[in-house]
Amino acid sequence: MTRMLTEDSRQIPVCADVDVAVCGGGPAGVGAALAAARMGASVILLESQLCLGGQATSGMMNRLGPYHDQQTIILRGIPWEVVETLVRWEAAHLPAPCPHDDPDRYWVPFDPEALKVLLDDMVEQAGVEVLLQTVVTDVVMQGNEVHGVIVENKSGRQAVLARRIVDGTGDADVAARAGAPCGKGRETDGLMQPIGLLSKVHNLDSARARAYTAAHYAELVDEARRLRSANGIAPDRVHPGTDNLLREDETYFNASHAHGMDGTNARDITEAAIGARREIWRNLLFMKERVPGWEGASLAATASLLGVRETRCIRGEYALTLDDVLEGRDFDDGICRYACWIDTHGVVPGEKPEHEGRALEPGVSYAIPFRSLVPKQVENLLVAGRCFSGTHEARASARMIPACMAMGQAAGTAAALSVREGVPPRELPVGLLREHLLSQGVVL
């Protein structure tokens, strides 16, 4: 039985009173804050890390995409604005012309450090107030309406009041605290995709390493298993290293998998992070001793943010489905388009999900409906990012960084418009929202 402590009531200072409060400064939150501020709303952006960008910066996920349906660009607006600026800064490469027989070339490799500076510049120019290292711990409710959030940071416990809230936490933290109905993981058993941690290696000769690993992969795996059986000091998986798409002297790895972990559980998060760092280090030592091309390699960095693929999702006014994704369905309230394959990872070791890696047909893209950003039962709240309303497999496609940013752009625009029009977000005329999104360059 959990022991309980009763906290004394106390007065909390109000540190901001704005039109729109955006909780979470990852891709979805940044998209929402920029869109709302550009609509003329007063906006505050609350982020728990020391920089904006979430998985794209703190998580070191150094590839954006896909932006197209294998034939043409279908994702523009703020996500494409970010790419174009990074390219001008010589901090990203544009994707190869479509179609292309190398799936890696559908992605835009970029420099996460450059993106940190770019996002700082963009929100500052838009007039967004930002609080970093600020954690949302509770909500301010009146009945079923959210009127603000409680935050904790170095300045103490404070309240942020707002006419509208956008939950861009990725884990539906705000929605859950507000009492919005949520699910977690896949529908059959609640299990979630594994958690990862990215790392970066310097001075790896990837061409030599890939060639040797491909030719000797089975024996390398067998040797790792023998070592692990003998003393436990071996990597759980052999990582060949293929992600140096931006600069030849740095290679990014997205290879660790922690199964059975819940990214909303503090103990699981701790165990996953420690285990992933240990695995990354063991892989480095293992490969340096055995694989040509690794001799001079060194570990440059591990991400400061875990790669959590899936936790809570809201029960919204509509749940995007696998069929919606694969059939490229349109919706009258569509707020962006996307076309990623079904990027599921087995929720248990060795499992091969039925639709894992299944691609959409060339030229096919699907719409994400506004209703999937609107939680049931709670007013004044919108969500954006991987916690949107959809099934396990549909979210596996739409959880990518550019799609999250596009959802954020729609949520921020809707939040600002609903304040201006004096209606709850769920009652906002969708035609008005789509009209504004089109004027922002969004492909609908």
Protein backbone atom coordinates (compact mmCIF):
# COMPACT_ATOMS: atom_id res chain seq x y z
CA MET A 1 0.00 0.00 0.00
CA THR A 2 1.35 3.42 -0.97
CA ARG A 3 2.02 5.74 1.97
CA MET A 4 0.38 9.14 1.62
CA LEU A 5 1.37 12.59 2.89
CA THR A 6 -1.14 15.43 3.20
CA GLU A 7 0.25 18.71 1.89
CA ASP A 8 -0.72 21.98 3.53
CA SER A 9 -2.61 24.46 1.37
CA ARG A 10 -0.58 27.45 0.21
CA GLN A 11 -0.76 30.46 -2.04
CA ILE A 12 0.96 30.14 -5.41
CA PRO A 13 2.22 33.20 -7.30
CA VAL A 14 0.93 33.68 -10.86
CA CYS A 15 3.93 34.10 -13.13
CA ALA A 16 2.02 34.51 -16.42
CA ASP A 17 -1.51 35.16 -17.68
CA VAL A 18 -1.71 34.57 -21.44
CA ASP A 19 -3.98 33.60 -24.29
CA VAL A 20 -2.17 30.32 -24.97
CA ALA A 21 0.10 28.25 -22.75
CA VAL A 22 2.01 25.52 -24.58
CA CYS A 23 3.28 22.71 -22.38
CA GLY A 24 6.32 20.97 -23.84
CA GLY A 25 8.90 22.58 -26.12
CA GLY A 26 9.51 19.66 -28.45
CA PRO A 27 8.59 19.76 -32.15
CA ALA A 28 4.83 19.79 -31.44
CA GLY A 29 5.11 22.47 -28.76
CA VAL A 30 7.38 24.70 -30.82
CA GLY A 31 5.01 24.41 -33.80
CA ALA A 32 2.06 25.33 -31.57
CA ALA A 33 3.78 28.27 -29.89
CA LEU A 34 5.01 29.74 -33.17
CA ALA A 35 1.63 29.39 -34.86
CA ALA A 36 -0.33 30.88 -31.96
CA ALA A 37 2.05 33.83 -31.57
CA ARG A 38 2.03 34.54 -35.30
CA MET A 39 -1.77 34.69 -35.05
CA GLY A 40 -1.39 37.54 -32.56
CA ALA A 41 -1.99 35.58 -29.35
CA SER A 42 0.08 36.08 -26.22
CA VAL A 43 1.96 32.82 -25.72
CA ILE A 44 4.18 31.15 -23.13
CA LEU A 45 6.12 27.99 -23.91
CA LEU A 46 7.05 25.72 -20.97
CA GLU A 47 9.86 23.20 -21.48
CA SER A 48 11.49 20.81 -18.99
CA GLN A 49 14.86 20.59 -20.80
CA LEU A 50 17.51 23.29 -21.21
CA CYS A 51 16.71 23.75 -24.90
CA LEU A 52 13.78 23.54 -27.27
CA GLY A 53 13.38 20.79 -29.85
CA GLY A 54 12.79 17.67 -27.76
CA GLN A 55 13.83 14.53 -29.64
CA ALA A 56 15.34 16.63 -32.45
CA THR A 57 17.82 18.30 -30.09
CA SER A 58 18.01 16.82 -26.58
CA GLY A 59 17.18 13.42 -28.07
CA MET A 60 19.82 13.79 -30.84
CA MET A 61 17.47 12.36 -33.50
CA ASN A 62 19.43 13.95 -36.32
CA ARG A 63 17.15 13.06 -39.23
CA LEU A 64 13.86 14.71 -40.16
CA GLY A 65 11.27 13.20 -42.43
CA PRO A 66 9.81 12.01 -44.52
CA TYR A 67 8.36 15.19 -46.00
CA HIS A 68 6.97 13.59 -49.12
CA ASP A 69 4.86 10.73 -50.45
CA GLN A 70 7.71 9.32 -52.58
CA GLN A 71 6.59 11.59 -55.42
CA THR A 72 6.12 15.12 -54.11
CA ILE A 73 6.49 17.22 -50.95
CA ILE A 74 3.29 17.01 -48.90
CA LEU A 75 4.45 18.55 -45.61
CA ARG A 76 5.21 22.26 -45.64
CA GLY A 77 4.31 25.09 -43.24
CA ILE A 78 6.53 25.44 -40.15
CA PRO A 79 8.21 21.99 -40.53
CA TRP A 80 9.45 22.91 -44.00
CA GLU A 81 10.41 26.43 -42.87
CA VAL A 82 12.74 24.80 -40.34
CA VAL A 83 14.33 22.58 -43.00
CA GLU A 84 14.85 25.43 -45.46
CA THR A 85 16.53 27.56 -42.80
CA LEU A 86 18.84 24.74 -41.68
CA VAL A 87 19.82 24.17 -45.32
CA ARG A 88 20.64 27.89 -45.70
CA TRP A 89 22.79 27.60 -42.58
CA GLU A 90 24.56 24.60 -44.17
CA ALA A 91 23.33 22.58 -41.17
CA ALA A 92 21.11 20.16 -43.15
CA HIS A 93 20.92 18.38 -46.49
CA LEU A 94 17.75 18.37 -48.57
CA PRO A 95 16.32 14.93 -49.42
CA ALA A 96 17.14 13.35 -52.74
CA PRO A 97 14.65 13.76 -55.60
CA CYS A 98 11.73 11.32 -55.49
CA PRO A 99 11.45 8.48 -56.17
CA HIS A 100 14.72 7.11 -54.84
CA ASP A 101 15.77 3.52 -54.21
CA ASP A 102 17.55 4.30 -50.92
CA PRO A 103 15.03 4.88 -48.11
CA ASP A 104 17.64 6.75 -46.02
CA ARG A 105 17.66 9.48 -48.64
CA TYR A 106 14.02 10.25 -47.90
CA TRP A 107 15.26 11.87 -44.69
CA VAL A 108 16.84 15.26 -44.02
CA PRO A 109 20.01 14.85 -41.91
CA PHE A 110 20.71 17.93 -39.80
CA ASP A 111 22.83 19.29 -36.96
CA PRO A 112 20.90 19.21 -33.64
CA GLU A 113 23.11 21.97 -32.22
CA ALA A 114 22.16 24.29 -35.06
CA LEU A 115 18.50 23.48 -34.52
CA LYS A 116 18.74 24.55 -30.87
CA VAL A 117 19.86 28.02 -31.95
CA LEU A 118 17.34 28.21 -34.80
CA LEU A 119 14.36 27.40 -32.57
CA ASP A 120 15.53 29.97 -30.00
CA ASP A 121 15.61 32.55 -32.79
CA MET A 122 12.22 31.59 -34.22
CA VAL A 123 10.28 31.77 -30.95
CA GLU A 124 12.02 35.00 -29.96
CA GLN A 125 11.14 36.62 -33.29
CA ALA A 126 7.52 35.48 -32.90
CA GLY A 127 7.28 37.06 -29.44
CA VAL A 128 6.87 33.80 -27.50
CA GLU A 129 7.81 33.89 -23.82
CA VAL A 130 9.85 30.81 -22.93
CA LEU A 131 10.59 29.14 -19.60
CA LEU A 132 13.20 26.37 -19.76
CA GLN A 133 13.84 23.74 -17.09
CA THR A 134 10.21 24.19 -16.10
CA VAL A 135 8.06 21.15 -15.34
CA VAL A 136 4.26 21.19 -15.48
CA THR A 137 3.07 19.45 -12.32
CA ASP A 138 -0.69 20.11 -12.19
CA VAL A 139 -3.60 21.85 -13.87
CA VAL A 140 -5.92 24.67 -12.82
CA MET A 141 -9.48 23.48 -13.37
CA GLN A 142 -12.96 24.96 -13.14
CA GLY A 143 -15.35 22.10 -13.66
CA ASN A 144 -14.25 20.42 -16.88
CA GLU A 145 -12.43 23.52 -18.17
CA VAL A 146 -8.66 23.98 -17.99
CA HIS A 147 -7.71 27.52 -17.04
CA GLY A 148 -4.00 27.13 -16.44
CA VAL A 149 -1.20 24.92 -15.18
CA ILE A 150 1.02 24.69 -12.12
CA VAL A 151 4.76 24.62 -12.81
CA GLU A 152 7.93 23.99 -10.82
CA ASN A 153 11.36 25.42 -11.62
CA LYS A 154 14.28 27.13 -9.91
CA SER A 155 11.96 30.04 -9.04
CA GLY A 156 9.72 27.68 -7.09
CA ARG A 157 6.09 26.64 -7.55
CA GLN A 158 4.09 29.00 -9.76
CA ALA A 159 0.83 29.21 -11.69
CA VAL A 160 0.42 29.98 -15.38
CA LEU A 161 -3.09 31.09 -16.30
CA ALA A 162 -4.27 30.82 -19.90
CA ARG A 163 -7.40 30.94 -22.01
CA ARG A 164 -6.21 27.89 -23.97
CA ILE A 165 -3.70 25.12 -23.25
CA VAL A 166 -1.82 23.04 -25.81
CA ASP A 167 -0.41 19.76 -24.49
CA GLY A 168 2.79 19.07 -26.42
CA THR A 169 4.38 16.91 -23.72
CA GLY A 170 4.34 13.76 -25.87
CA ASP A 171 2.96 11.82 -22.90
CA ALA A 172 -0.39 13.64 -22.59
CA ASP A 173 0.73 14.76 -19.12
CA VAL A 174 -1.55 17.80 -19.06
CA ALA A 175 -4.52 15.98 -20.57
CA ALA A 176 -4.20 13.16 -18.04
CA ARG A 177 -3.99 15.55 -15.10
CA ALA A 178 -7.04 17.41 -16.43
CA GLY A 179 -9.06 14.20 -16.41
CA ALA A 180 -9.21 13.65 -20.15
CA PRO A 181 -9.67 9.97 -21.01
CA CYS A 182 -6.41 8.43 -22.23
CA GLY A 183 -5.12 5.09 -23.42
CA LYS A 184 -1.62 3.70 -23.29
CA GLY A 185 0.27 1.41 -25.67
CA ARG A 186 -1.37 -1.01 -28.06
CA GLU A 187 -5.03 -1.72 -27.70
CA THR A 188 -4.79 -5.47 -27.00
CA ASP A 189 -2.56 -5.42 -23.92
CA GLY A 190 -1.30 -1.88 -23.21
CA LEU A 191 2.30 -2.79 -24.03
CA MET A 192 4.37 0.00 -25.57
CA GLN A 193 7.13 0.27 -28.13
CA PRO A 194 10.65 0.00 -26.66
CA ILE A 195 12.54 3.02 -25.37
CA GLY A 196 15.86 3.96 -26.97
CA LEU A 197 18.76 6.33 -26.48
CA LEU A 198 20.74 7.90 -29.30
CA SER A 199 24.49 8.32 -29.31
CA LYS A 200 27.16 9.87 -31.51
CA VAL A 201 30.55 8.42 -32.37
CA HIS A 202 33.49 10.33 -33.84
CA ASN A 203 36.22 9.07 -36.17
CA LEU A 204 34.40 5.94 -37.30
CA ASP A 205 35.26 4.71 -40.78
CA SER A 206 31.68 3.74 -41.60
CA ALA A 207 32.41 2.32 -45.05
CA ARG A 208 34.93 -0.18 -43.72
CA ALA A 209 32.86 -0.91 -40.63
CA ARG A 210 29.66 -1.56 -42.59
CA ALA A 211 31.42 -3.83 -45.08
CA TYR A 212 33.05 -5.94 -42.37
CA THR A 213 29.94 -6.10 -40.19
CA ALA A 214 27.77 -7.17 -43.13
CA ALA A 215 30.20 -9.96 -44.01
CA HIS A 216 30.69 -11.18 -40.42
CA TYR A 217 27.45 -10.20 -38.71
CA ALA A 218 26.44 -13.71 -37.61
CA GLU A 219 29.80 -14.49 -36.01
CA LEU A 220 29.90 -11.08 -34.27
CA VAL A 221 26.45 -11.72 -32.81
CA ASP A 222 27.51 -15.21 -31.69
CA GLU A 223 30.62 -13.83 -30.00
CA ALA A 224 28.62 -11.15 -28.21
CA ARG A 225 26.25 -13.84 -26.94
CA ARG A 226 29.15 -15.97 -25.69
CA LEU A 227 30.67 -13.06 -23.81
CA ARG A 228 27.33 -12.11 -22.32
CA SER A 229 26.73 -15.70 -21.21
CA ALA A 230 30.20 -15.90 -19.66
CA ASN A 231 30.38 -12.63 -17.75
CA GLY A 232 27.52 -10.37 -18.83
CA ILE A 233 29.97 -7.80 -20.21
CA ALA A 234 28.87 -7.54 -23.83
CA PRO A 235 26.46 -5.48 -25.91
CA ASP A 236 22.89 -6.73 -26.18
CA ARG A 237 22.97 -6.09 -29.92
CA VAL A 238 25.67 -5.53 -32.54
CA HIS A 239 25.30 -2.05 -34.03
CA PRO A 240 26.93 -1.59 -37.46
CA GLY A 241 26.67 2.20 -37.69
CA THR A 242 25.07 3.71 -40.77
CA ASP A 243 23.80 7.14 -39.79
CA ASN A 244 26.58 9.56 -40.76
CA LEU A 245 24.50 11.32 -43.40
CA LEU A 246 25.53 14.89 -42.60
CA ARG A 247 29.26 14.81 -41.84
CA GLU A 248 31.74 12.04 -42.47
CA ASP A 249 33.48 12.42 -39.11
CA GLU A 250 30.39 11.79 -36.96
CA THR A 251 28.04 8.82 -36.89
CA TYR A 252 24.72 8.77 -35.05
CA PHE A 253 23.32 5.54 -33.63
CA ASN A 254 19.67 4.85 -32.93
CA ALA A 255 19.96 1.22 -31.94
CA SER A 256 19.27 0.56 -28.25
CA HIS A 257 15.95 -0.97 -27.22
CA ALA A 258 14.58 -1.20 -23.66
CA HIS A 259 11.48 -3.38 -23.73
CA GLY A 260 8.74 -3.51 -21.14
CA MET A 261 9.38 0.06 -19.97
CA ASP A 262 6.85 2.81 -19.35
CA GLY A 263 8.06 6.30 -20.28
CA THR A 264 5.65 7.79 -17.72
CA ASN A 265 7.19 5.79 -14.84
CA ALA A 266 10.17 7.41 -13.13
CA ARG A 267 11.79 4.11 -12.13
CA ASP A 268 11.44 2.69 -15.65
CA ILE A 269 12.92 5.88 -17.13
CA THR A 270 15.91 5.62 -14.80
CA GLU A 271 16.48 1.94 -15.54
CA ALA A 272 16.15 2.47 -19.30
CA ALA A 273 18.62 5.37 -19.34
CA ILE A 274 21.29 3.60 -17.27
CA GLY A 275 20.90 0.39 -19.25
CA ALA A 276 21.09 2.17 -22.61
CA ARG A 277 24.27 4.05 -21.71
CA ARG A 278 25.84 0.81 -20.54
CA GLU A 279 24.87 -0.95 -23.77
CA ILE A 280 26.21 1.91 -25.92
CA TRP A 281 29.57 1.83 -24.11
CA ARG A 282 29.87 -1.96 -24.32
CA ASN A 283 29.08 -1.86 -28.02
CA LEU A 284 31.83 0.71 -28.56
CA LEU A 285 34.45 -1.42 -26.76
CA PHE A 286 33.28 -4.62 -28.48
CA MET A 287 33.43 -3.12 -31.96
CA LYS A 288 36.77 -1.32 -31.42
CA GLU A 289 38.40 -4.65 -30.60
CA ARG A 290 36.89 -6.65 -33.45
CA VAL A 291 35.75 -4.57 -36.41
CA PRO A 292 38.02 -2.76 -38.90
CA GLY A 293 37.05 0.90 -39.14
CA TRP A 294 36.33 1.21 -35.43
CA GLU A 295 39.97 1.39 -34.28
CA GLY A 296 40.07 5.16 -33.73
CA ALA A 297 36.41 5.66 -32.88
CA SER A 298 35.36 7.43 -29.69
CA LEU A 299 32.02 8.08 -28.02
CA ALA A 300 31.30 11.78 -28.50
CA ALA A 301 27.91 12.04 -26.75
CA THR A 302 24.81 10.27 -25.58
CA ALA A 303 21.44 12.02 -25.74
CA SER A 304 20.14 13.85 -22.67
CA LEU A 305 16.57 12.79 -23.50
CA LEU A 306 15.38 9.20 -23.86
CA GLY A 307 13.79 8.20 -27.16
CA VAL A 308 10.32 7.33 -25.87
CA ARG A 309 8.26 6.13 -28.81
CA GLU A 310 4.93 5.59 -27.13
CA THR A 311 3.12 6.20 -23.86
CA ARG A 312 -0.28 7.79 -23.25
CA CYS A 313 -2.56 9.01 -26.01
CA ILE A 314 -5.81 10.91 -25.59
CA ARG A 315 -9.23 9.54 -26.44
CA GLY A 316 -10.18 12.25 -28.88
CA GLU A 317 -13.23 13.06 -30.92
CA TYR A 318 -11.73 10.79 -33.61
CA ALA A 319 -9.05 8.11 -33.47
CA LEU A 320 -6.87 7.79 -36.58
CA THR A 321 -6.65 4.13 -37.67
CA LEU A 322 -4.26 1.90 -39.56
CA ASP A 323 -6.72 1.75 -42.47
CA ASP A 324 -6.87 5.57 -42.55
CA VAL A 325 -3.08 5.62 -42.91
CA LEU A 326 -2.65 2.84 -45.47
CA GLU A 327 -5.59 3.94 -47.62
CA GLY A 328 -4.54 7.60 -47.58
CA ARG A 329 -7.87 8.85 -46.29
CA ASP A 330 -8.89 12.49 -46.37
CA PHE A 331 -11.05 14.18 -43.76
CA ASP A 332 -13.17 17.30 -43.94
CA ASP A 333 -11.28 18.55 -40.88
CA GLY A 334 -7.80 17.47 -42.01
CA ILE A 335 -5.10 19.80 -40.68
CA CYS A 336 -1.96 18.33 -42.29
CA ARG A 337 -0.82 15.41 -44.43
CA TYR A 338 1.74 12.71 -43.79
CA ALA A 339 3.06 9.59 -45.49
CA CYS A 340 5.47 7.69 -43.23
CA TRP A 341 5.51 3.90 -43.17
CA ILE A 342 4.21 2.02 -40.12
CA ASP A 343 7.26 2.42 -37.89
CA THR A 344 6.39 -0.05 -35.16
CA HIS A 345 9.03 -1.77 -33.06
CA GLY A 346 8.15 -5.06 -31.41
CA VAL A 347 6.86 -4.44 -27.88
CA VAL A 348 8.58 -7.64 -26.68
CA PRO A 349 12.06 -8.84 -27.74
CA GLY A 350 12.03 -10.81 -30.98
CA GLU A 351 8.48 -9.92 -31.88
CA LYS A 352 7.80 -8.99 -35.50
CA PRO A 353 4.63 -6.87 -35.68
CA GLU A 354 2.35 -7.72 -38.59
CA HIS A 355 2.63 -4.32 -40.26
CA GLU A 356 6.15 -3.35 -39.13
CA GLY A 357 7.85 -1.24 -41.80
CA ARG A 358 4.87 -1.41 -44.15
CA ALA A 359 5.07 1.53 -46.54
CA LEU A 360 2.32 3.54 -48.14
CA GLU A 361 2.01 3.28 -51.89
CA PRO A 362 3.92 5.96 -53.85
CA GLY A 363 1.79 9.08 -54.16
CA VAL A 364 -0.39 8.14 -51.17
CA SER A 365 -0.61 10.35 -48.09
CA TYR A 366 -3.20 10.64 -45.34
CA ALA A 367 -4.76 13.53 -43.47
CA ILE A 368 -4.69 13.93 -39.70
CA PRO A 369 -8.09 15.23 -38.58
CA PHE A 370 -8.48 18.15 -36.18
CA ARG A 371 -10.81 15.95 -34.10
CA SER A 372 -7.81 13.79 -33.20
CA LEU A 373 -6.28 16.76 -31.38
CA VAL A 374 -9.41 17.45 -29.32
CA PRO A 375 -9.73 15.39 -26.12
CA LYS A 376 -13.09 14.19 -24.94
CA GLN A 377 -14.70 15.66 -21.80
CA VAL A 378 -12.21 18.51 -21.24
CA GLU A 379 -12.53 22.05 -22.61
CA ASN A 380 -9.94 24.70 -23.50
CA LEU A 381 -7.38 21.97 -24.20
CA LEU A 382 -5.77 20.72 -27.40
CA VAL A 383 -2.99 18.17 -27.84
CA ALA A 384 -0.33 17.82 -30.51
CA GLY A 385 2.39 15.28 -31.18
CA ARG A 386 2.61 11.55 -30.52
CA CYS A 387 -0.09 11.69 -27.80
CA PHE A 388 -2.80 12.54 -30.35
CA SER A 389 -5.85 10.29 -30.69
CA GLY A 390 -5.05 7.27 -32.83
CA THR A 391 -4.48 3.55 -32.73
CA HIS A 392 -1.13 1.96 -31.87
CA GLU A 393 -0.20 1.39 -35.52
CA ALA A 394 -1.50 4.71 -36.83
CA ARG A 395 0.51 6.58 -34.20
CA ALA A 396 3.58 4.57 -35.23
CA SER A 397 3.41 6.37 -38.57
CA ALA A 398 2.39 9.85 -37.40
CA ARG A 399 4.77 10.14 -34.41
CA MET A 400 7.68 11.44 -36.49
CA ILE A 401 9.17 14.86 -35.75
CA PRO A 402 7.83 16.78 -38.79
CA ALA A 403 4.30 15.40 -38.35
CA CYS A 404 4.35 16.36 -34.68
CA MET A 405 5.42 19.88 -35.60
CA ALA A 406 2.64 20.08 -38.20
CA MET A 407 0.07 18.97 -35.62
CA GLY A 408 1.47 21.64 -33.33
CA GLN A 409 1.05 24.29 -36.00
CA ALA A 410 -2.61 23.32 -36.35
CA ALA A 411 -3.21 23.19 -32.59
CA GLY A 412 -1.56 26.57 -32.02
CA THR A 413 -3.52 28.16 -34.84
CA ALA A 414 -6.76 26.66 -33.51
CA ALA A 415 -6.01 27.78 -29.94
CA ALA A 416 -5.41 31.38 -31.02
CA LEU A 417 -8.45 31.38 -33.33
CA SER A 418 -10.74 29.98 -30.65
CA VAL A 419 -9.70 32.76 -28.26
CA ARG A 420 -10.30 35.34 -30.98
CA GLU A 421 -13.68 33.85 -31.91
CA GLY A 422 -14.75 33.30 -28.31
CA VAL A 423 -15.60 29.61 -28.75
CA PRO A 424 -14.17 26.43 -27.23
CA PRO A 425 -11.66 24.70 -29.54
CA ARG A 426 -14.04 21.80 -30.27
CA GLU A 427 -16.64 24.32 -31.55
CA LEU A 428 -14.20 26.22 -33.77
CA PRO A 429 -15.46 26.20 -37.40
CA VAL A 430 -13.06 23.83 -39.11
CA GLY A 431 -13.37 25.70 -42.39
CA LEU A 432 -11.95 28.80 -40.71
CA LEU A 433 -9.05 26.79 -39.28
CA ARG A 434 -8.24 25.20 -42.61
CA GLU A 435 -8.40 28.59 -44.34
CA HIS A 436 -5.74 29.95 -41.99
CA LEU A 437 -3.58 26.84 -42.34
CA LEU A 438 -3.69 27.13 -46.13
CA SER A 439 -2.60 30.76 -45.84
CA GLN A 440 0.40 29.52 -43.79
CA GLY A 441 1.49 27.24 -46.62
CA VAL A 442 0.18 24.00 -45.09
CA VAL A 443 -0.68 21.28 -47.61
CA LEU A 444 -4.17 19.97 -46.88
